[in-house]
Amino acid sequence: MVTVNVSSTSRALNCRSGNLVKHLWDRDDRDFAILVEGRKVMIHKLIFVSRSPVFDAMLQSGMKESVENSVTIIDFSYDVVASAVAFFYDQNITSRLNLIHAFELIRFADKYYIKDLKTNVENYLATKITYSTVCQLVNGSIENNATGLKQICFDFLLVCLRQATPVEGFDLLDKEFAMELIKHALS
């Protein structure tokens, strides 16, 4: 006769996958180094490749990075890479974000095709839209290929235009964006 312990089965079914990455975050057995600005950011190789198809392809191809268990990143700051790695482990990174850092993270996510990081940072920035920040945010979204944020800013500015609500920095908007916005406001 076989018996099943229902309470332990129920507990297993209720486990969230995030518990594993949070557990790994606390461990010191990370096996892959990201070298940036002369410093190392350590990560578990499995976490690294699971979050980015670009990193996965790099390490599956037999390139030197896969042999040396390290990669050098030269076009992003240590803080941006460390924030991305923290995000990979489901850590809350909002306390690290200012506008410049957030847009650098979006650029990092775009380059390495990390959709959830890009979406999450865009959504975070969308919560920062005000009459005084929207133009800065839309210009940053255009420069950094943040299409979701750009659309949210567009919709916000469209309402502002139609209600004749002034916004700070309107004269600094990307010219093509401003023309498209005015065209929609008048239609």
N, C-alpha and C. Protein backbone atom coordinates (compact mmCIF):
# COMPACT_ATOMS: atom_id res chain seq x y z
N MET A 1 0.84 -1.18 0.00
CA MET A 1 0.00 0.00 0.00
C MET A 1 0.88 1.24 0.00
N VAL A 2 0.53 2.21 -0.85
CA VAL A 2 1.28 3.47 -0.97
C VAL A 2 0.47 4.58 -0.33
N THR A 3 1.12 5.36 0.48
CA THR A 3 0.44 6.52 1.08
C THR A 3 1.12 7.79 0.60
N VAL A 4 0.34 8.82 0.52
CA VAL A 4 0.85 10.12 0.09
C VAL A 4 0.65 11.11 1.22
N ASN A 5 1.71 11.80 1.56
CA ASN A 5 1.63 12.83 2.58
C ASN A 5 1.09 14.09 1.91
N VAL A 6 -0.18 14.39 2.11
CA VAL A 6 -0.86 15.49 1.43
C VAL A 6 -0.28 16.84 1.81
N SER A 7 0.07 17.03 3.06
CA SER A 7 0.56 18.34 3.48
C SER A 7 1.88 18.69 2.79
N SER A 8 2.80 17.74 2.63
CA SER A 8 4.06 18.06 1.96
C SER A 8 3.85 18.22 0.46
N THR A 9 2.90 17.48 -0.12
CA THR A 9 2.60 17.65 -1.53
C THR A 9 2.01 19.03 -1.78
N SER A 10 1.09 19.46 -0.93
CA SER A 10 0.50 20.78 -1.09
C SER A 10 1.55 21.87 -0.97
N ARG A 11 2.46 21.71 -0.02
CA ARG A 11 3.51 22.71 0.16
C ARG A 11 4.39 22.77 -1.09
N ALA A 12 4.70 21.62 -1.68
CA ALA A 12 5.53 21.59 -2.88
C ALA A 12 4.84 22.29 -4.04
N LEU A 13 3.53 22.10 -4.16
CA LEU A 13 2.80 22.74 -5.24
C LEU A 13 2.71 24.25 -5.07
N ASN A 14 2.80 24.71 -3.84
CA ASN A 14 2.69 26.14 -3.58
C ASN A 14 4.03 26.87 -3.65
N CYS A 15 5.12 26.15 -3.84
CA CYS A 15 6.43 26.80 -3.94
C CYS A 15 6.47 27.68 -5.18
N ARG A 16 6.97 28.87 -5.00
CA ARG A 16 7.16 29.75 -6.14
C ARG A 16 8.58 29.57 -6.65
N SER A 17 8.75 29.67 -7.96
CA SER A 17 10.08 29.50 -8.54
C SER A 17 11.04 30.56 -8.04
N GLY A 18 10.53 31.71 -7.64
CA GLY A 18 11.37 32.78 -7.14
C GLY A 18 12.15 32.39 -5.90
N ASN A 19 11.66 31.41 -5.15
CA ASN A 19 12.37 30.97 -3.96
C ASN A 19 13.74 30.41 -4.31
N LEU A 20 13.85 29.74 -5.45
CA LEU A 20 15.13 29.17 -5.85
C LEU A 20 16.14 30.26 -6.16
N VAL A 21 15.76 31.24 -6.96
CA VAL A 21 16.73 32.29 -7.30
C VAL A 21 17.07 33.14 -6.09
N LYS A 22 16.11 33.34 -5.21
CA LYS A 22 16.42 34.08 -3.98
C LYS A 22 17.39 33.28 -3.11
N HIS A 23 17.23 31.97 -3.09
CA HIS A 23 18.18 31.12 -2.36
C HIS A 23 19.56 31.21 -3.01
N LEU A 24 19.61 31.15 -4.33
CA LEU A 24 20.90 31.24 -5.03
C LEU A 24 21.57 32.60 -4.81
N TRP A 25 20.77 33.66 -4.70
CA TRP A 25 21.30 35.01 -4.47
C TRP A 25 22.15 35.03 -3.20
N ASP A 26 21.75 34.29 -2.20
CA ASP A 26 22.43 34.30 -0.91
C ASP A 26 23.66 33.37 -0.87
N ARG A 27 23.87 32.60 -1.89
CA ARG A 27 24.97 31.63 -1.89
C ARG A 27 26.25 32.29 -2.42
N ASP A 28 27.38 31.70 -2.08
CA ASP A 28 28.66 32.24 -2.53
C ASP A 28 29.37 31.31 -3.53
N ASP A 29 28.60 30.47 -4.21
CA ASP A 29 29.20 29.53 -5.16
C ASP A 29 28.93 29.90 -6.61
N ARG A 30 28.87 31.19 -6.88
CA ARG A 30 28.63 31.65 -8.25
C ARG A 30 29.83 31.26 -9.12
N ASP A 31 29.54 30.79 -10.33
CA ASP A 31 30.58 30.18 -11.16
C ASP A 31 30.88 30.91 -12.46
N PHE A 32 30.42 32.14 -12.59
CA PHE A 32 30.67 32.90 -13.81
C PHE A 32 30.93 34.35 -13.43
N ALA A 33 31.94 34.96 -14.07
CA ALA A 33 32.31 36.35 -13.76
C ALA A 33 31.98 37.26 -14.94
N ILE A 34 31.34 38.37 -14.61
CA ILE A 34 31.16 39.45 -15.58
C ILE A 34 32.16 40.52 -15.18
N LEU A 35 33.10 40.81 -16.08
CA LEU A 35 34.15 41.79 -15.80
C LEU A 35 33.72 43.13 -16.38
N VAL A 36 33.69 44.13 -15.52
CA VAL A 36 33.24 45.45 -15.95
C VAL A 36 33.95 46.51 -15.11
N GLU A 37 34.54 47.48 -15.78
CA GLU A 37 35.26 48.58 -15.13
C GLU A 37 36.30 48.06 -14.13
N GLY A 38 36.99 46.98 -14.48
CA GLY A 38 38.04 46.43 -13.63
C GLY A 38 37.53 45.69 -12.40
N ARG A 39 36.25 45.44 -12.34
CA ARG A 39 35.65 44.73 -11.21
C ARG A 39 34.90 43.51 -11.71
N LYS A 40 34.59 42.60 -10.79
CA LYS A 40 33.86 41.37 -11.12
C LYS A 40 32.47 41.42 -10.52
N VAL A 41 31.50 41.01 -11.32
CA VAL A 41 30.16 40.72 -10.83
C VAL A 41 29.98 39.22 -11.03
N MET A 42 29.83 38.50 -9.95
CA MET A 42 29.70 37.05 -10.02
C MET A 42 28.23 36.66 -10.15
N ILE A 43 28.01 35.60 -10.92
CA ILE A 43 26.65 35.11 -11.18
C ILE A 43 26.73 33.60 -11.42
N HIS A 44 25.65 32.91 -11.17
CA HIS A 44 25.56 31.50 -11.54
C HIS A 44 25.35 31.43 -13.05
N LYS A 45 26.15 30.63 -13.72
CA LYS A 45 26.08 30.54 -15.17
C LYS A 45 24.67 30.19 -15.64
N LEU A 46 24.00 29.31 -14.93
CA LEU A 46 22.65 28.90 -15.31
C LEU A 46 21.68 30.09 -15.25
N ILE A 47 21.80 30.92 -14.23
CA ILE A 47 20.96 32.12 -14.14
C ILE A 47 21.29 33.06 -15.29
N PHE A 48 22.58 33.24 -15.55
CA PHE A 48 23.06 34.14 -16.61
C PHE A 48 22.46 33.77 -17.97
N VAL A 49 22.56 32.51 -18.34
CA VAL A 49 22.08 32.10 -19.66
C VAL A 49 20.56 32.01 -19.73
N SER A 50 19.92 31.78 -18.58
CA SER A 50 18.46 31.65 -18.61
C SER A 50 17.77 33.00 -18.78
N ARG A 51 18.45 34.09 -18.52
CA ARG A 51 17.83 35.41 -18.59
C ARG A 51 18.03 36.11 -19.92
N SER A 52 18.95 35.64 -20.73
CA SER A 52 19.25 36.32 -21.99
C SER A 52 19.62 35.33 -23.08
N PRO A 53 18.89 35.34 -24.20
CA PRO A 53 19.26 34.46 -25.30
C PRO A 53 20.61 34.84 -25.91
N VAL A 54 21.01 36.10 -25.76
CA VAL A 54 22.32 36.53 -26.27
C VAL A 54 23.43 35.86 -25.44
N PHE A 55 23.30 35.92 -24.13
CA PHE A 55 24.29 35.27 -23.27
C PHE A 55 24.26 33.76 -23.46
N ASP A 56 23.08 33.20 -23.62
CA ASP A 56 22.95 31.76 -23.84
C ASP A 56 23.69 31.34 -25.11
N ALA A 57 23.47 32.07 -26.20
CA ALA A 57 24.14 31.74 -27.46
C ALA A 57 25.66 31.88 -27.33
N MET A 58 26.09 32.91 -26.61
CA MET A 58 27.52 33.13 -26.41
C MET A 58 28.16 31.94 -25.70
N LEU A 59 27.49 31.43 -24.69
CA LEU A 59 28.08 30.34 -23.91
C LEU A 59 27.85 28.97 -24.52
N GLN A 60 26.90 28.85 -25.43
CA GLN A 60 26.67 27.58 -26.12
C GLN A 60 27.59 27.41 -27.32
N SER A 61 28.17 28.50 -27.80
CA SER A 61 28.92 28.47 -29.05
C SER A 61 30.36 28.00 -28.91
N GLY A 62 30.82 27.80 -27.69
CA GLY A 62 32.20 27.40 -27.49
C GLY A 62 33.18 28.57 -27.55
N MET A 63 32.65 29.79 -27.51
CA MET A 63 33.51 30.97 -27.52
C MET A 63 34.37 30.99 -26.25
N LYS A 64 35.38 31.85 -26.24
CA LYS A 64 36.30 31.89 -25.10
C LYS A 64 35.58 32.17 -23.78
N GLU A 65 34.48 32.90 -23.83
CA GLU A 65 33.72 33.19 -22.61
C GLU A 65 33.24 31.91 -21.93
N SER A 66 32.82 30.94 -22.74
CA SER A 66 32.32 29.69 -22.16
C SER A 66 33.45 28.86 -21.56
N VAL A 67 34.62 28.96 -22.14
CA VAL A 67 35.78 28.21 -21.63
C VAL A 67 36.33 28.87 -20.37
N GLU A 68 36.42 30.20 -20.39
CA GLU A 68 37.01 30.94 -19.27
C GLU A 68 36.01 31.25 -18.15
N ASN A 69 34.73 30.96 -18.41
CA ASN A 69 33.67 31.27 -17.44
C ASN A 69 33.67 32.74 -17.03
N SER A 70 33.89 33.60 -18.04
CA SER A 70 33.83 35.03 -17.79
C SER A 70 33.56 35.77 -19.10
N VAL A 71 33.00 36.95 -18.95
CA VAL A 71 32.76 37.82 -20.10
C VAL A 71 33.12 39.23 -19.67
N THR A 72 33.67 40.00 -20.60
CA THR A 72 33.99 41.40 -20.32
C THR A 72 32.95 42.26 -21.01
N ILE A 73 32.37 43.16 -20.25
CA ILE A 73 31.39 44.11 -20.79
C ILE A 73 32.01 45.50 -20.67
N ILE A 74 32.15 46.18 -21.82
CA ILE A 74 32.84 47.47 -21.81
C ILE A 74 31.92 48.67 -22.02
N ASP A 75 30.70 48.44 -22.45
CA ASP A 75 29.84 49.57 -22.81
C ASP A 75 28.77 49.89 -21.77
N PHE A 76 28.91 49.34 -20.56
CA PHE A 76 27.99 49.64 -19.47
C PHE A 76 28.79 49.77 -18.18
N SER A 77 28.24 50.52 -17.25
CA SER A 77 28.92 50.72 -15.97
C SER A 77 28.76 49.50 -15.07
N TYR A 78 29.63 49.44 -14.08
CA TYR A 78 29.54 48.39 -13.07
C TYR A 78 28.17 48.42 -12.41
N ASP A 79 27.68 49.61 -12.06
CA ASP A 79 26.39 49.72 -11.38
C ASP A 79 25.24 49.17 -12.22
N VAL A 80 25.27 49.42 -13.52
CA VAL A 80 24.22 48.91 -14.40
C VAL A 80 24.27 47.39 -14.44
N VAL A 81 25.45 46.83 -14.62
CA VAL A 81 25.58 45.37 -14.68
C VAL A 81 25.19 44.74 -13.35
N ALA A 82 25.64 45.33 -12.24
CA ALA A 82 25.29 44.79 -10.92
C ALA A 82 23.78 44.86 -10.68
N SER A 83 23.14 45.92 -11.15
CA SER A 83 21.68 46.02 -11.01
C SER A 83 20.98 44.96 -11.85
N ALA A 84 21.46 44.74 -13.07
CA ALA A 84 20.86 43.71 -13.93
C ALA A 84 21.00 42.34 -13.28
N VAL A 85 22.17 42.05 -12.74
CA VAL A 85 22.38 40.76 -12.08
C VAL A 85 21.46 40.62 -10.87
N ALA A 86 21.32 41.66 -10.09
CA ALA A 86 20.39 41.62 -8.95
C ALA A 86 18.97 41.33 -9.44
N PHE A 87 18.58 41.95 -10.55
CA PHE A 87 17.26 41.69 -11.13
C PHE A 87 17.13 40.23 -11.55
N PHE A 88 18.20 39.66 -12.12
CA PHE A 88 18.17 38.26 -12.53
C PHE A 88 17.83 37.33 -11.36
N TYR A 89 18.20 37.76 -10.17
CA TYR A 89 17.93 36.98 -8.96
C TYR A 89 16.67 37.47 -8.24
N ASP A 90 15.81 38.16 -8.96
CA ASP A 90 14.53 38.64 -8.43
C ASP A 90 14.68 39.59 -7.24
N GLN A 91 15.77 40.32 -7.21
CA GLN A 91 15.96 41.33 -6.17
C GLN A 91 15.27 42.62 -6.59
N ASN A 92 14.77 43.36 -5.64
CA ASN A 92 14.13 44.64 -5.93
C ASN A 92 15.23 45.67 -6.19
N ILE A 93 15.25 46.24 -7.37
CA ILE A 93 16.31 47.18 -7.74
C ILE A 93 15.81 48.62 -7.83
N THR A 94 14.57 48.88 -7.47
CA THR A 94 14.03 50.23 -7.64
C THR A 94 14.77 51.27 -6.81
N SER A 95 15.31 50.90 -5.67
CA SER A 95 16.04 51.88 -4.86
C SER A 95 17.32 52.33 -5.54
N ARG A 96 17.81 51.58 -6.49
CA ARG A 96 19.04 51.92 -7.22
C ARG A 96 18.77 52.86 -8.40
N LEU A 97 17.51 53.03 -8.76
CA LEU A 97 17.20 53.68 -10.02
C LEU A 97 17.02 55.19 -9.90
N ASN A 98 17.72 55.89 -10.77
CA ASN A 98 17.39 57.26 -11.10
C ASN A 98 17.16 57.24 -12.61
N LEU A 99 16.82 58.36 -13.20
CA LEU A 99 16.48 58.35 -14.62
C LEU A 99 17.63 57.86 -15.50
N ILE A 100 18.82 58.35 -15.26
CA ILE A 100 19.96 57.96 -16.09
C ILE A 100 20.24 56.47 -15.95
N HIS A 101 20.29 55.99 -14.73
CA HIS A 101 20.56 54.57 -14.46
C HIS A 101 19.46 53.70 -15.08
N ALA A 102 18.22 54.13 -14.96
CA ALA A 102 17.10 53.35 -15.50
C ALA A 102 17.21 53.24 -17.02
N PHE A 103 17.54 54.33 -17.68
CA PHE A 103 17.67 54.27 -19.14
C PHE A 103 18.88 53.43 -19.57
N GLU A 104 19.95 53.44 -18.77
CA GLU A 104 21.09 52.58 -19.06
C GLU A 104 20.69 51.10 -18.92
N LEU A 105 19.87 50.80 -17.92
CA LEU A 105 19.38 49.43 -17.76
C LEU A 105 18.51 49.02 -18.95
N ILE A 106 17.70 49.94 -19.44
CA ILE A 106 16.88 49.64 -20.62
C ILE A 106 17.78 49.36 -21.81
N ARG A 107 18.83 50.16 -21.97
CA ARG A 107 19.76 49.96 -23.08
C ARG A 107 20.47 48.60 -22.94
N PHE A 108 20.85 48.24 -21.72
CA PHE A 108 21.47 46.94 -21.44
C PHE A 108 20.50 45.81 -21.80
N ALA A 109 19.27 45.95 -21.34
CA ALA A 109 18.24 44.93 -21.61
C ALA A 109 17.96 44.81 -23.10
N ASP A 110 17.96 45.92 -23.80
CA ASP A 110 17.72 45.91 -25.24
C ASP A 110 18.87 45.21 -25.97
N LYS A 111 20.09 45.54 -25.60
CA LYS A 111 21.26 44.95 -26.26
C LYS A 111 21.32 43.44 -26.05
N TYR A 112 21.03 42.99 -24.84
CA TYR A 112 21.16 41.57 -24.52
C TYR A 112 19.82 40.83 -24.54
N TYR A 113 18.81 41.48 -25.06
CA TYR A 113 17.49 40.90 -25.28
C TYR A 113 16.92 40.29 -23.99
N ILE A 114 16.85 41.12 -22.97
CA ILE A 114 16.30 40.71 -21.68
C ILE A 114 14.95 41.41 -21.54
N LYS A 115 13.93 40.78 -22.12
CA LYS A 115 12.61 41.42 -22.23
C LYS A 115 12.02 41.83 -20.89
N ASP A 116 12.08 40.94 -19.90
CA ASP A 116 11.41 41.26 -18.63
C ASP A 116 12.09 42.41 -17.90
N LEU A 117 13.40 42.52 -17.99
CA LEU A 117 14.09 43.66 -17.39
C LEU A 117 13.67 44.95 -18.07
N LYS A 118 13.66 44.93 -19.38
CA LYS A 118 13.28 46.13 -20.13
C LYS A 118 11.85 46.55 -19.79
N THR A 119 10.94 45.61 -19.82
CA THR A 119 9.53 45.90 -19.52
C THR A 119 9.36 46.43 -18.10
N ASN A 120 10.03 45.80 -17.15
CA ASN A 120 9.91 46.23 -15.75
C ASN A 120 10.46 47.63 -15.53
N VAL A 121 11.59 47.95 -16.14
CA VAL A 121 12.15 49.29 -15.96
C VAL A 121 11.27 50.32 -16.67
N GLU A 122 10.77 49.99 -17.85
CA GLU A 122 9.85 50.91 -18.53
C GLU A 122 8.61 51.15 -17.68
N ASN A 123 8.06 50.11 -17.10
CA ASN A 123 6.87 50.26 -16.24
C ASN A 123 7.19 51.09 -15.01
N TYR A 124 8.37 50.90 -14.44
CA TYR A 124 8.79 51.71 -13.30
C TYR A 124 8.85 53.18 -13.71
N LEU A 125 9.48 53.46 -14.84
CA LEU A 125 9.59 54.85 -15.29
C LEU A 125 8.22 55.45 -15.60
N ALA A 126 7.30 54.64 -16.07
CA ALA A 126 5.94 55.13 -16.35
C ALA A 126 5.28 55.66 -15.09
N THR A 127 5.63 55.10 -13.94
CA THR A 127 5.06 55.59 -12.68
C THR A 127 5.65 56.94 -12.29
N LYS A 128 6.70 57.36 -12.95
CA LYS A 128 7.37 58.63 -12.65
C LYS A 128 6.92 59.76 -13.58
N ILE A 129 5.95 59.47 -14.45
CA ILE A 129 5.47 60.50 -15.39
C ILE A 129 4.69 61.56 -14.63
N THR A 130 5.13 62.79 -14.78
CA THR A 130 4.42 63.96 -14.25
C THR A 130 4.50 65.05 -15.32
N TYR A 131 3.87 66.17 -15.05
CA TYR A 131 3.93 67.29 -15.98
C TYR A 131 5.36 67.81 -16.12
N SER A 132 6.18 67.60 -15.12
CA SER A 132 7.55 68.11 -15.18
C SER A 132 8.57 67.07 -15.67
N THR A 133 8.19 65.79 -15.75
CA THR A 133 9.15 64.76 -16.17
C THR A 133 8.83 64.13 -17.52
N VAL A 134 7.63 64.29 -18.01
CA VAL A 134 7.19 63.53 -19.19
C VAL A 134 8.05 63.79 -20.42
N CYS A 135 8.45 65.02 -20.65
CA CYS A 135 9.24 65.31 -21.85
C CYS A 135 10.63 64.69 -21.75
N GLN A 136 11.22 64.73 -20.58
CA GLN A 136 12.51 64.09 -20.35
C GLN A 136 12.38 62.58 -20.54
N LEU A 137 11.30 62.01 -20.04
CA LEU A 137 11.08 60.57 -20.17
C LEU A 137 10.85 60.16 -21.62
N VAL A 138 10.09 60.95 -22.36
CA VAL A 138 9.84 60.56 -23.75
C VAL A 138 11.12 60.66 -24.57
N ASN A 139 11.92 61.70 -24.35
CA ASN A 139 13.18 61.79 -25.09
C ASN A 139 14.11 60.63 -24.73
N GLY A 140 14.17 60.27 -23.46
CA GLY A 140 14.96 59.11 -23.06
C GLY A 140 14.44 57.82 -23.66
N SER A 141 13.13 57.70 -23.76
CA SER A 141 12.55 56.48 -24.34
C SER A 141 12.88 56.37 -25.82
N ILE A 142 12.93 57.50 -26.51
CA ILE A 142 13.29 57.49 -27.93
C ILE A 142 14.76 57.12 -28.10
N GLU A 143 15.63 57.73 -27.31
CA GLU A 143 17.07 57.46 -27.40
C GLU A 143 17.43 56.02 -27.05
N ASN A 144 16.61 55.39 -26.22
CA ASN A 144 16.95 54.06 -25.70
C ASN A 144 16.01 52.96 -26.16
N ASN A 145 15.23 53.22 -27.19
CA ASN A 145 14.35 52.22 -27.78
C ASN A 145 13.37 51.62 -26.77
N ALA A 146 12.84 52.48 -25.90
CA ALA A 146 11.85 52.05 -24.91
C ALA A 146 10.46 52.34 -25.45
N THR A 147 10.01 51.51 -26.36
CA THR A 147 8.77 51.79 -27.10
C THR A 147 7.53 51.79 -26.22
N GLY A 148 7.50 50.93 -25.21
CA GLY A 148 6.35 50.91 -24.31
C GLY A 148 6.22 52.21 -23.54
N LEU A 149 7.33 52.68 -22.98
CA LEU A 149 7.34 53.95 -22.25
C LEU A 149 7.02 55.11 -23.18
N LYS A 150 7.55 55.07 -24.38
CA LYS A 150 7.28 56.13 -25.35
C LYS A 150 5.78 56.24 -25.61
N GLN A 151 5.10 55.12 -25.76
CA GLN A 151 3.66 55.15 -26.02
C GLN A 151 2.89 55.70 -24.83
N ILE A 152 3.28 55.32 -23.63
CA ILE A 152 2.61 55.83 -22.43
C ILE A 152 2.79 57.34 -22.32
N CYS A 153 4.00 57.81 -22.60
CA CYS A 153 4.27 59.26 -22.58
C CYS A 153 3.46 59.96 -23.67
N PHE A 154 3.37 59.34 -24.84
CA PHE A 154 2.59 59.92 -25.94
C PHE A 154 1.14 60.11 -25.50
N ASP A 155 0.56 59.08 -24.93
CA ASP A 155 -0.83 59.16 -24.48
C ASP A 155 -1.02 60.23 -23.41
N PHE A 156 -0.08 60.32 -22.48
CA PHE A 156 -0.14 61.34 -21.43
C PHE A 156 -0.07 62.74 -22.04
N LEU A 157 0.87 62.94 -22.95
CA LEU A 157 1.02 64.26 -23.58
C LEU A 157 -0.17 64.61 -24.47
N LEU A 158 -0.76 63.62 -25.10
CA LEU A 158 -1.93 63.85 -25.93
C LEU A 158 -3.08 64.41 -25.08
N VAL A 159 -3.30 63.84 -23.92
CA VAL A 159 -4.32 64.34 -23.00
C VAL A 159 -3.97 65.76 -22.56
N CYS A 160 -2.71 65.99 -22.24
CA CYS A 160 -2.28 67.33 -21.82
C CYS A 160 -2.54 68.36 -22.92
N LEU A 161 -2.21 68.01 -24.15
CA LEU A 161 -2.44 68.94 -25.27
C LEU A 161 -3.92 69.22 -25.46
N ARG A 162 -4.71 68.19 -25.44
CA ARG A 162 -6.15 68.37 -25.66
C ARG A 162 -6.82 69.15 -24.53
N GLN A 163 -6.25 69.10 -23.33
CA GLN A 163 -6.80 69.84 -22.20
C GLN A 163 -6.06 71.15 -21.95
N ALA A 164 -5.14 71.48 -22.84
CA ALA A 164 -4.32 72.70 -22.73
C ALA A 164 -3.60 72.77 -21.38
N THR A 165 -3.09 71.63 -20.94
CA THR A 165 -2.33 71.57 -19.69
C THR A 165 -0.85 71.75 -20.01
N PRO A 166 -0.21 72.74 -19.42
CA PRO A 166 1.21 72.95 -19.72
C PRO A 166 2.09 71.84 -19.14
N VAL A 167 3.14 71.51 -19.88
CA VAL A 167 4.13 70.54 -19.41
C VAL A 167 5.52 71.17 -19.55
N GLU A 168 6.37 70.81 -18.63
CA GLU A 168 7.73 71.35 -18.61
C GLU A 168 8.57 70.72 -19.72
N GLY A 169 9.28 71.54 -20.47
CA GLY A 169 10.22 71.04 -21.46
C GLY A 169 9.62 70.65 -22.79
N PHE A 170 8.39 71.08 -23.07
CA PHE A 170 7.75 70.69 -24.33
C PHE A 170 8.60 71.11 -25.53
N ASP A 171 9.25 72.27 -25.43
CA ASP A 171 10.08 72.76 -26.53
C ASP A 171 11.33 71.91 -26.75
N LEU A 172 11.66 71.04 -25.81
CA LEU A 172 12.83 70.17 -25.93
C LEU A 172 12.50 68.78 -26.45
N LEU A 173 11.22 68.54 -26.73
CA LEU A 173 10.81 67.23 -27.25
C LEU A 173 11.48 66.92 -28.58
N ASP A 174 11.74 65.66 -28.80
CA ASP A 174 12.19 65.18 -30.10
C ASP A 174 11.25 65.73 -31.16
N LYS A 175 11.79 66.34 -32.20
CA LYS A 175 10.96 67.06 -33.19
C LYS A 175 9.98 66.15 -33.92
N GLU A 176 10.42 64.98 -34.34
CA GLU A 176 9.50 64.06 -35.03
C GLU A 176 8.37 63.62 -34.10
N PHE A 177 8.72 63.32 -32.87
CA PHE A 177 7.72 62.92 -31.88
C PHE A 177 6.72 64.05 -31.67
N ALA A 178 7.22 65.28 -31.52
CA ALA A 178 6.35 66.44 -31.28
C ALA A 178 5.40 66.65 -32.45
N MET A 179 5.89 66.50 -33.67
CA MET A 179 5.03 66.67 -34.85
C MET A 179 3.93 65.61 -34.88
N GLU A 180 4.27 64.38 -34.59
CA GLU A 180 3.29 63.29 -34.56
C GLU A 180 2.26 63.53 -33.46
N LEU A 181 2.71 64.00 -32.33
CA LEU A 181 1.84 64.30 -31.20
C LEU A 181 0.85 65.41 -31.56
N ILE A 182 1.33 66.47 -32.13
CA ILE A 182 0.47 67.60 -32.51
C ILE A 182 -0.53 67.16 -33.58
N LYS A 183 -0.07 66.36 -34.53
CA LYS A 183 -0.97 65.84 -35.57
C LYS A 183 -2.12 65.05 -34.94
N HIS A 184 -1.81 64.19 -33.97
CA HIS A 184 -2.86 63.41 -33.30
C HIS A 184 -3.76 64.28 -32.45
N ALA A 185 -3.20 65.30 -31.83
CA ALA A 185 -3.99 66.18 -30.97
C ALA A 185 -5.01 66.97 -31.78
N LEU A 186 -4.66 67.29 -33.02
CA LEU A 186 -5.55 68.07 -33.87
C LEU A 186 -6.56 67.22 -34.63
N SER A 187 -6.39 65.92 -34.61
CA SER A 187 -7.32 65.06 -35.37
C SER A 187 -8.51 64.64 -34.54
